[in-house]
Amino acid sequence: NCGRCVPCREGSTQLVTLLRNVYDGEYDNGKIRE
């Protein structure tokens, strides 16, 4: 991402973290969708 806007820059990083959490045993459907 280009880094300009917070929703994309930080959101994409948080999305990766939430998907990694799935492998660690935590699947939070609601948090990912929000």
PDB file of all heavy atoms in Angstrom:
ATOM      1  N   ASN A   1       0.836  -1.203   0.000  1.00  0.00           N
ATOM      2  CA  ASN A   1       0.000   0.000   0.000  1.00  0.00           C
ATOM      3  C   ASN A   1       0.872   1.255   0.000  1.00  0.00           C
ATOM      4  O   ASN A   1       2.032   1.222   0.387  1.00  0.00           O
ATOM      5  CB  ASN A   1      -0.973  -0.004   1.176  1.00  0.00           C
ATOM      6  CG  ASN A   1      -0.271   0.172   2.511  1.00  0.00           C
ATOM      7  OD1 ASN A   1       0.071   1.276   2.921  1.00  0.00           O
ATOM      8  ND2 ASN A   1      -0.052  -0.948   3.205  1.00  0.00           N
ATOM      9  N   CYS A   2       0.290   2.367  -0.438  1.00  0.00           N
ATOM     10  CA  CYS A   2       1.073   3.605  -0.583  1.00  0.00           C
ATOM     11  C   CYS A   2       1.362   4.276   0.744  1.00  0.00           C
ATOM     12  O   CYS A   2       2.288   5.101   0.833  1.00  0.00           O
ATOM     13  CB  CYS A   2       0.362   4.577  -1.530  1.00  0.00           C
ATOM     14  SG  CYS A   2      -1.050   5.462  -0.792  1.00  0.00           S
ATOM     15  N   GLY A   3       0.587   3.966   1.787  1.00  0.00           N
ATOM     16  CA  GLY A   3       0.861   4.513   3.110  1.00  0.00           C
ATOM     17  C   GLY A   3       0.178   5.818   3.417  1.00  0.00           C
ATOM     18  O   GLY A   3       0.336   6.358   4.516  1.00  0.00           O
ATOM     19  N   ARG A   4      -0.592   6.362   2.494  1.00  0.00           N
ATOM     20  CA  ARG A   4      -1.179   7.683   2.724  1.00  0.00           C
ATOM     21  C   ARG A   4      -2.273   7.677   3.780  1.00  0.00           C
ATOM     22  O   ARG A   4      -2.266   8.506   4.695  1.00  0.00           O
ATOM     23  CB  ARG A   4      -1.730   8.264   1.427  1.00  0.00           C
ATOM     24  CG  ARG A   4      -2.501   9.550   1.682  1.00  0.00           C
ATOM     25  CD  ARG A   4      -2.891  10.313   0.460  1.00  0.00           C
ATOM     26  NE  ARG A   4      -3.598  11.534   0.848  1.00  0.00           N
ATOM     27  CZ  ARG A   4      -3.846  12.540   0.034  1.00  0.00           C
ATOM     28  NH1 ARG A   4      -3.444  12.488  -1.218  1.00  0.00           N
ATOM     29  NH2 ARG A   4      -4.495  13.601   0.450  1.00  0.00           N
ATOM     30  N   CYS A   5      -3.231   6.758   3.640  1.00  0.00           N
ATOM     31  CA  CYS A   5      -4.384   6.835   4.546  1.00  0.00           C
ATOM     32  C   CYS A   5      -4.305   5.747   5.614  1.00  0.00           C
ATOM     33  O   CYS A   5      -3.872   4.621   5.373  1.00  0.00           O
ATOM     34  CB  CYS A   5      -5.697   6.775   3.774  1.00  0.00           C
ATOM     35  SG  CYS A   5      -6.112   5.187   3.071  1.00  0.00           S
ATOM     36  N   VAL A   6      -4.758   6.114   6.808  1.00  0.00           N
ATOM     37  CA  VAL A   6      -4.690   5.214   7.962  1.00  0.00           C
ATOM     38  C   VAL A   6      -5.537   3.954   7.769  1.00  0.00           C
ATOM     39  O   VAL A   6      -5.082   2.846   8.093  1.00  0.00           O
ATOM     40  CB  VAL A   6      -5.104   5.958   9.245  1.00  0.00           C
ATOM     41  CG1 VAL A   6      -5.238   4.979  10.418  1.00  0.00           C
ATOM     42  CG2 VAL A   6      -4.092   7.040   9.570  1.00  0.00           C
ATOM     43  N   PRO A   7      -6.786   4.053   7.271  1.00  0.00           N
ATOM     44  CA  PRO A   7      -7.598   2.830   7.157  1.00  0.00           C
ATOM     45  C   PRO A   7      -6.931   1.736   6.333  1.00  0.00           C
ATOM     46  O   PRO A   7      -7.045   0.557   6.673  1.00  0.00           O
ATOM     47  CB  PRO A   7      -8.880   3.331   6.485  1.00  0.00           C
ATOM     48  CG  PRO A   7      -8.958   4.773   6.855  1.00  0.00           C
ATOM     49  CD  PRO A   7      -7.540   5.258   6.866  1.00  0.00           C
ATOM     50  N   CYS A   8      -6.226   2.122   5.271  1.00  0.00           N
ATOM     51  CA  CYS A   8      -5.557   1.118   4.444  1.00  0.00           C
ATOM     52  C   CYS A   8      -4.226   0.703   5.067  1.00  0.00           C
ATOM     53  O   CYS A   8      -3.938  -0.492   5.200  1.00  0.00           O
ATOM     54  CB  CYS A   8      -5.332   1.671   3.035  1.00  0.00           C
ATOM     55  SG  CYS A   8      -4.451   0.549   1.937  1.00  0.00           S
ATOM     56  N   ARG A   9      -3.417   1.675   5.435  1.00  0.00           N
ATOM     57  CA  ARG A   9      -2.078   1.376   5.959  1.00  0.00           C
ATOM     58  C   ARG A   9      -2.142   0.525   7.229  1.00  0.00           C
ATOM     59  O   ARG A   9      -1.504  -0.523   7.326  1.00  0.00           O
ATOM     60  CB  ARG A   9      -1.328   2.685   6.241  1.00  0.00           C
ATOM     61  CG  ARG A   9       0.107   2.477   6.709  1.00  0.00           C
ATOM     62  CD  ARG A   9       0.768   3.797   7.043  1.00  0.00           C
ATOM     63  NE  ARG A   9       0.191   4.437   8.231  1.00  0.00           N
ATOM     64  CZ  ARG A   9      -0.412   5.607   8.229  1.00  0.00           C
ATOM     65  NH1 ARG A   9      -0.550   6.296   7.100  1.00  0.00           N
ATOM     66  NH2 ARG A   9      -0.896   6.118   9.353  1.00  0.00           N
ATOM     67  N   GLU A  10      -2.922   0.989   8.209  1.00  0.00           N
ATOM     68  CA  GLU A  10      -3.009   0.264   9.469  1.00  0.00           C
ATOM     69  C   GLU A  10      -3.992  -0.898   9.391  1.00  0.00           C
ATOM     70  O   GLU A  10      -3.780  -1.944  10.004  1.00  0.00           O
ATOM     71  CB  GLU A  10      -3.417   1.235  10.588  1.00  0.00           C
ATOM     72  CG  GLU A  10      -2.448   2.383  10.809  1.00  0.00           C
ATOM     73  CD  GLU A  10      -1.049   1.904  11.148  1.00  0.00           C
ATOM     74  OE1 GLU A  10      -0.930   0.880  11.851  1.00  0.00           O
ATOM     75  OE2 GLU A  10      -0.079   2.547  10.699  1.00  0.00           O
ATOM     76  N   GLY A  11      -5.058  -0.688   8.627  1.00  0.00           N
ATOM     77  CA  GLY A  11      -6.063  -1.741   8.524  1.00  0.00           C
ATOM     78  C   GLY A  11      -5.526  -3.006   7.897  1.00  0.00           C
ATOM     79  O   GLY A  11      -5.816  -4.124   8.359  1.00  0.00           O
ATOM     80  N   SER A  12      -4.721  -2.871   6.839  1.00  0.00           N
ATOM     81  CA  SER A  12      -4.176  -4.065   6.185  1.00  0.00           C
ATOM     82  C   SER A  12      -3.215  -4.811   7.108  1.00  0.00           C
ATOM     83  O   SER A  12      -3.174  -6.048   7.108  1.00  0.00           O
ATOM     84  CB  SER A  12      -3.478  -3.680   4.877  1.00  0.00           C
ATOM     85  OG  SER A  12      -2.441  -2.741   5.102  1.00  0.00           O
ATOM     86  N   THR A  13      -2.458  -4.064   7.919  1.00  0.00           N
ATOM     87  CA  THR A  13      -1.558  -4.709   8.883  1.00  0.00           C
ATOM     88  C   THR A  13      -2.346  -5.442   9.955  1.00  0.00           C
ATOM     89  O   THR A  13      -2.018  -6.583  10.328  1.00  0.00           O
ATOM     90  CB  THR A  13      -0.638  -3.656   9.534  1.00  0.00           C
ATOM     91  OG1 THR A  13       0.142  -3.017   8.513  1.00  0.00           O
ATOM     92  CG2 THR A  13       0.298  -4.297  10.541  1.00  0.00           C
ATOM     93  N   GLN A  14      -3.407  -4.808  10.442  1.00  0.00           N
ATOM     94  CA  GLN A  14      -4.245  -5.457  11.453  1.00  0.00           C
ATOM     95  C   GLN A  14      -4.945  -6.681  10.878  1.00  0.00           C
ATOM     96  O   GLN A  14      -5.141  -7.688  11.578  1.00  0.00           O
ATOM     97  CB  GLN A  14      -5.271  -4.460  11.986  1.00  0.00           C
ATOM     98  CG  GLN A  14      -4.677  -3.326  12.793  1.00  0.00           C
ATOM     99  CD  GLN A  14      -5.715  -2.298  13.188  1.00  0.00           C
ATOM    100  OE1 GLN A  14      -6.915  -2.604  13.275  1.00  0.00           O
ATOM    101  NE2 GLN A  14      -5.280  -1.069  13.428  1.00  0.00           N
ATOM    102  N   LEU A  15      -5.305  -6.603   9.594  1.00  0.00           N
ATOM    103  CA  LEU A  15      -5.971  -7.743   8.961  1.00  0.00           C
ATOM    104  C   LEU A  15      -5.043  -8.949   8.915  1.00  0.00           C
ATOM    105  O   LEU A  15      -5.462 -10.090   9.182  1.00  0.00           O
ATOM    106  CB  LEU A  15      -6.424  -7.354   7.554  1.00  0.00           C
ATOM    107  CG  LEU A  15      -7.292  -8.363   6.801  1.00  0.00           C
ATOM    108  CD1 LEU A  15      -8.578  -8.656   7.561  1.00  0.00           C
ATOM    109  CD2 LEU A  15      -7.627  -7.837   5.399  1.00  0.00           C
ATOM    110  N   VAL A  16      -3.776  -8.724   8.598  1.00  0.00           N
ATOM    111  CA  VAL A  16      -2.796  -9.813   8.589  1.00  0.00           C
ATOM    112  C   VAL A  16      -2.672 -10.413   9.990  1.00  0.00           C
ATOM    113  O   VAL A  16      -2.617 -11.645  10.164  1.00  0.00           O
ATOM    114  CB  VAL A  16      -1.428  -9.304   8.081  1.00  0.00           C
ATOM    115  CG1 VAL A  16      -0.357 -10.369   8.289  1.00  0.00           C
ATOM    116  CG2 VAL A  16      -1.518  -8.941   6.605  1.00  0.00           C
ATOM    117  N   THR A  17      -2.646  -9.553  11.000  1.00  0.00           N
ATOM    118  CA  THR A  17      -2.536 -10.033  12.379  1.00  0.00           C
ATOM    119  C   THR A  17      -3.728 -10.903  12.761  1.00  0.00           C
ATOM    120  O   THR A  17      -3.569 -11.973  13.377  1.00  0.00           O
ATOM    121  CB  THR A  17      -2.431  -8.843  13.346  1.00  0.00           C
ATOM    122  OG1 THR A  17      -1.258  -8.086  13.034  1.00  0.00           O
ATOM    123  CG2 THR A  17      -2.347  -9.321  14.791  1.00  0.00           C
ATOM    124  N   LEU A  18      -4.927 -10.456  12.386  1.00  0.00           N
ATOM    125  CA  LEU A  18      -6.125 -11.233  12.718  1.00  0.00           C
ATOM    126  C   LEU A  18      -6.127 -12.587  12.008  1.00  0.00           C
ATOM    127  O   LEU A  18      -6.617 -13.587  12.562  1.00  0.00           O
ATOM    128  CB  LEU A  18      -7.381 -10.443  12.342  1.00  0.00           C
ATOM    129  CG  LEU A  18      -7.684  -9.219  13.222  1.00  0.00           C
ATOM    130  CD1 LEU A  18      -8.864  -8.427  12.656  1.00  0.00           C
ATOM    131  CD2 LEU A  18      -7.982  -9.651  14.654  1.00  0.00           C
ATOM    132  N   LEU A  19      -5.586 -12.643  10.810  1.00  0.00           N
ATOM    133  CA  LEU A  19      -5.514 -13.931  10.105  1.00  0.00           C
ATOM    134  C   LEU A  19      -4.449 -14.827  10.717  1.00  0.00           C
ATOM    135  O   LEU A  19      -4.618 -16.056  10.779  1.00  0.00           O
ATOM    136  CB  LEU A  19      -5.235 -13.692   8.622  1.00  0.00           C
ATOM    137  CG  LEU A  19      -6.389 -13.074   7.827  1.00  0.00           C
ATOM    138  CD1 LEU A  19      -5.969 -12.790   6.390  1.00  0.00           C
ATOM    139  CD2 LEU A  19      -7.607 -13.988   7.838  1.00  0.00           C
ATOM    140  N   ARG A  20      -3.360 -14.227  11.178  1.00  0.00           N
ATOM    141  CA  ARG A  20      -2.348 -15.036  11.872  1.00  0.00           C
ATOM    142  C   ARG A  20      -2.913 -15.609  13.161  1.00  0.00           C
ATOM    143  O   ARG A  20      -2.557 -16.718  13.581  1.00  0.00           O
ATOM    144  CB  ARG A  20      -1.115 -14.182  12.165  1.00  0.00           C
ATOM    145  CG  ARG A  20      -0.248 -13.922  10.942  1.00  0.00           C
ATOM    146  CD  ARG A  20       0.893 -12.992  11.258  1.00  0.00           C
ATOM    147  NE  ARG A  20       1.773 -12.809  10.103  1.00  0.00           N
ATOM    148  CZ  ARG A  20       2.620 -11.811   9.968  1.00  0.00           C
ATOM    149  NH1 ARG A  20       2.707 -10.889  10.928  1.00  0.00           N
ATOM    150  NH2 ARG A  20       3.381 -11.724   8.894  1.00  0.00           N
ATOM    151  N   ASN A  21      -3.798 -14.842  13.794  1.00  0.00           N
ATOM    152  CA  ASN A  21      -4.423 -15.334  15.024  1.00  0.00           C
ATOM    153  C   ASN A  21      -5.235 -16.592  14.777  1.00  0.00           C
ATOM    154  O   ASN A  21      -5.399 -17.425  15.686  1.00  0.00           O
ATOM    155  CB  ASN A  21      -5.323 -14.246  15.626  1.00  0.00           C
ATOM    156  CG  ASN A  21      -4.535 -13.081  16.195  1.00  0.00           C
ATOM    157  OD1 ASN A  21      -3.311 -13.175  16.380  1.00  0.00           O
ATOM    158  ND2 ASN A  21      -5.217 -11.977  16.470  1.00  0.00           N
ATOM    159  N   VAL A  22      -5.779 -16.720  13.570  1.00  0.00           N
ATOM    160  CA  VAL A  22      -6.544 -17.930  13.249  1.00  0.00           C
ATOM    161  C   VAL A  22      -5.655 -19.156  13.393  1.00  0.00           C
ATOM    162  O   VAL A  22      -6.064 -20.188  13.957  1.00  0.00           O
ATOM    163  CB  VAL A  22      -7.123 -17.844  11.817  1.00  0.00           C
ATOM    164  CG1 VAL A  22      -7.785 -19.166  11.432  1.00  0.00           C
ATOM    165  CG2 VAL A  22      -8.120 -16.706  11.702  1.00  0.00           C
ATOM    166  N   TYR A  23      -4.426 -19.054  12.937  1.00  0.00           N
ATOM    167  CA  TYR A  23      -3.494 -20.172  13.052  1.00  0.00           C
ATOM    168  C   TYR A  23      -3.098 -20.429  14.504  1.00  0.00           C
ATOM    169  O   TYR A  23      -2.645 -21.518  14.852  1.00  0.00           O
ATOM    170  CB  TYR A  23      -2.248 -19.897  12.210  1.00  0.00           C
ATOM    171  CG  TYR A  23      -2.483 -20.023  10.717  1.00  0.00           C
ATOM    172  CD1 TYR A  23      -2.966 -18.959   9.977  1.00  0.00           C
ATOM    173  CD2 TYR A  23      -2.224 -21.221  10.054  1.00  0.00           C
ATOM    174  CE1 TYR A  23      -3.197 -19.062   8.621  1.00  0.00           C
ATOM    175  CE2 TYR A  23      -2.439 -21.349   8.691  1.00  0.00           C
ATOM    176  CZ  TYR A  23      -2.935 -20.257   7.979  1.00  0.00           C
ATOM    177  OH  TYR A  23      -3.150 -20.376   6.624  1.00  0.00           O
ATOM    178  N   ASP A  24      -3.260 -19.390  15.340  1.00  0.00           N
ATOM    179  CA  ASP A  24      -2.932 -19.552  16.762  1.00  0.00           C
ATOM    180  C   ASP A  24      -4.143 -19.980  17.585  1.00  0.00           C
ATOM    181  O   ASP A  24      -4.070 -20.040  18.824  1.00  0.00           O
ATOM    182  CB  ASP A  24      -2.392 -18.228  17.327  1.00  0.00           C
ATOM    183  CG  ASP A  24      -1.026 -17.873  16.742  1.00  0.00           C
ATOM    184  OD1 ASP A  24      -0.308 -18.806  16.333  1.00  0.00           O
ATOM    185  OD2 ASP A  24      -0.697 -16.670  16.689  1.00  0.00           O
ATOM    186  N   GLY A  25      -5.259 -20.234  16.900  1.00  0.00           N
ATOM    187  CA  GLY A  25      -6.420 -20.763  17.596  1.00  0.00           C
ATOM    188  C   GLY A  25      -7.538 -19.775  17.836  1.00  0.00           C
ATOM    189  O   GLY A  25      -8.540 -20.103  18.479  1.00  0.00           O
ATOM    190  N   GLU A  26      -7.422 -18.536  17.327  1.00  0.00           N
ATOM    191  CA  GLU A  26      -8.452 -17.528  17.568  1.00  0.00           C
ATOM    192  C   GLU A  26      -9.029 -17.028  16.251  1.00  0.00           C
ATOM    193  O   GLU A  26      -8.357 -16.331  15.494  1.00  0.00           O
ATOM    194  CB  GLU A  26      -7.877 -16.342  18.344  1.00  0.00           C
ATOM    195  CG  GLU A  26      -8.909 -15.262  18.636  1.00  0.00           C
ATOM    196  CD  GLU A  26      -8.311 -14.034  19.305  1.00  0.00           C
ATOM    197  OE1 GLU A  26      -7.110 -14.065  19.637  1.00  0.00           O
ATOM    198  OE2 GLU A  26      -9.052 -13.047  19.489  1.00  0.00           O
ATOM    199  N   TYR A  27     -10.257 -17.388  15.978  1.00  0.00           N
ATOM    200  CA  TYR A  27     -10.946 -16.918  14.776  1.00  0.00           C
ATOM    201  C   TYR A  27     -12.076 -16.009  15.202  1.00  0.00           C
ATOM    202  O   TYR A  27     -13.113 -16.456  15.704  1.00  0.00           O
ATOM    203  CB  TYR A  27     -11.481 -18.106  13.971  1.00  0.00           C
ATOM    204  CG  TYR A  27     -12.413 -17.711  12.840  1.00  0.00           C
ATOM    205  CD1 TYR A  27     -12.072 -16.713  11.936  1.00  0.00           C
ATOM    206  CD2 TYR A  27     -13.647 -18.344  12.681  1.00  0.00           C
ATOM    207  CE1 TYR A  27     -12.931 -16.346  10.909  1.00  0.00           C
ATOM    208  CE2 TYR A  27     -14.508 -18.003  11.660  1.00  0.00           C
ATOM    209  CZ  TYR A  27     -14.151 -17.004  10.784  1.00  0.00           C
ATOM    210  OH  TYR A  27     -15.001 -16.626   9.757  1.00  0.00           O
ATOM    211  N   ASP A  28     -11.896 -14.692  15.037  1.00  0.00           N
ATOM    212  CA  ASP A  28     -12.888 -13.697  15.452  1.00  0.00           C
ATOM    213  C   ASP A  28     -13.571 -13.142  14.209  1.00  0.00           C
ATOM    214  O   ASP A  28     -13.148 -12.135  13.629  1.00  0.00           O
ATOM    215  CB  ASP A  28     -12.216 -12.577  16.246  1.00  0.00           C
ATOM    216  CG  ASP A  28     -13.218 -11.697  16.976  1.00  0.00           C
ATOM    217  OD1 ASP A  28     -14.347 -11.560  16.474  1.00  0.00           O
ATOM    218  OD2 ASP A  28     -12.874 -11.148  18.040  1.00  0.00           O
ATOM    219  N   ASN A  29     -14.632 -13.807  13.796  1.00  0.00           N
ATOM    220  CA  ASN A  29     -15.357 -13.424  12.588  1.00  0.00           C
ATOM    221  C   ASN A  29     -15.823 -11.976  12.648  1.00  0.00           C
ATOM    222  O   ASN A  29     -15.641 -11.204  11.694  1.00  0.00           O
ATOM    223  CB  ASN A  29     -16.559 -14.364  12.410  1.00  0.00           C
ATOM    224  CG  ASN A  29     -17.377 -14.078  11.159  1.00  0.00           C
ATOM    225  OD1 ASN A  29     -17.876 -12.963  10.973  1.00  0.00           O
ATOM    226  ND2 ASN A  29     -17.561 -15.085  10.322  1.00  0.00           N
ATOM    227  N   GLY A  30     -16.426 -11.578  13.774  1.00  0.00           N
ATOM    228  CA  GLY A  30     -16.970 -10.242  13.896  1.00  0.00           C
ATOM    229  C   GLY A  30     -15.915  -9.156  13.803  1.00  0.00           C
ATOM    230  O   GLY A  30     -16.112  -8.122  13.137  1.00  0.00           O
ATOM    231  N   LYS A  31     -14.781  -9.364  14.448  1.00  0.00           N
ATOM    232  CA  LYS A  31     -13.722  -8.356  14.417  1.00  0.00           C
ATOM    233  C   LYS A  31     -13.146  -8.204  13.017  1.00  0.00           C
ATOM    234  O   LYS A  31     -12.877  -7.084  12.558  1.00  0.00           O
ATOM    235  CB  LYS A  31     -12.611  -8.738  15.408  1.00  0.00           C
ATOM    236  CG  LYS A  31     -11.527  -7.675  15.548  1.00  0.00           C
ATOM    237  CD  LYS A  31     -10.483  -8.066  16.599  1.00  0.00           C
ATOM    238  CE  LYS A  31     -11.081  -8.010  17.995  1.00  0.00           C
ATOM    239  NZ  LYS A  31     -10.031  -8.239  19.030  1.00  0.00           N
ATOM    240  N   ILE A  32     -12.976  -9.319  12.308  1.00  0.00           N
ATOM    241  CA  ILE A  32     -12.451  -9.257  10.941  1.00  0.00           C
ATOM    242  C   ILE A  32     -13.424  -8.513  10.037  1.00  0.00           C
ATOM    243  O   ILE A  32     -13.022  -7.649   9.245  1.00  0.00           O
ATOM    244  CB  ILE A  32     -12.178 -10.673  10.392  1.00  0.00           C
ATOM    245  CG1 ILE A  32     -11.031 -11.336  11.165  1.00  0.00           C
ATOM    246  CG2 ILE A  32     -11.835 -10.615   8.895  1.00  0.00           C
ATOM    247  CD1 ILE A  32     -10.790 -12.784  10.776  1.00  0.00           C
ATOM    248  N   ARG A  33     -14.696  -8.811  10.158  1.00  0.00           N
ATOM    249  CA  ARG A  33     -15.691  -8.167   9.292  1.00  0.00           C
ATOM    250  C   ARG A  33     -15.821  -6.674   9.606  1.00  0.00           C
ATOM    251  O   ARG A  33     -16.020  -5.856   8.701  1.00  0.00           O
ATOM    252  CB  ARG A  33     -17.040  -8.866   9.424  1.00  0.00           C
ATOM    253  CG  ARG A  33     -17.038 -10.268   8.827  1.00  0.00           C
ATOM    254  CD  ARG A  33     -18.424 -10.833   8.670  1.00  0.00           C
ATOM    255  NE  ARG A  33     -18.373 -12.155   8.040  1.00  0.00           N
ATOM    256  CZ  ARG A  33     -18.236 -12.359   6.732  1.00  0.00           C
ATOM    257  NH1 ARG A  33     -18.153 -11.305   5.922  1.00  0.00           N
ATOM    258  NH2 ARG A  33     -18.189 -13.577   6.240  1.00  0.00           N
ATOM    259  N   GLU A  34     -15.709  -6.285  10.860  1.00  0.00           N
ATOM    260  CA  GLU A  34     -15.793  -4.873  11.205  1.00  0.00           C
ATOM    261  C   GLU A  34     -14.578  -4.120  10.668  1.00  0.00           C
ATOM    262  O   GLU A  34     -14.705  -3.001  10.141  1.00  0.00           O
ATOM    263  CB  GLU A  34     -15.899  -4.708  12.727  1.00  0.00           C
ATOM    264  CG  GLU A  34     -15.881  -3.267  13.213  1.00  0.00           C
ATOM    265  CD  GLU A  34     -17.014  -2.417  12.649  1.00  0.00           C
ATOM    266  OE1 GLU A  34     -18.004  -2.980  12.135  1.00  0.00           O
ATOM    267  OE2 GLU A  34     -16.908  -1.169  12.723  1.00  0.00           O
TER     268      GLU A  34
END
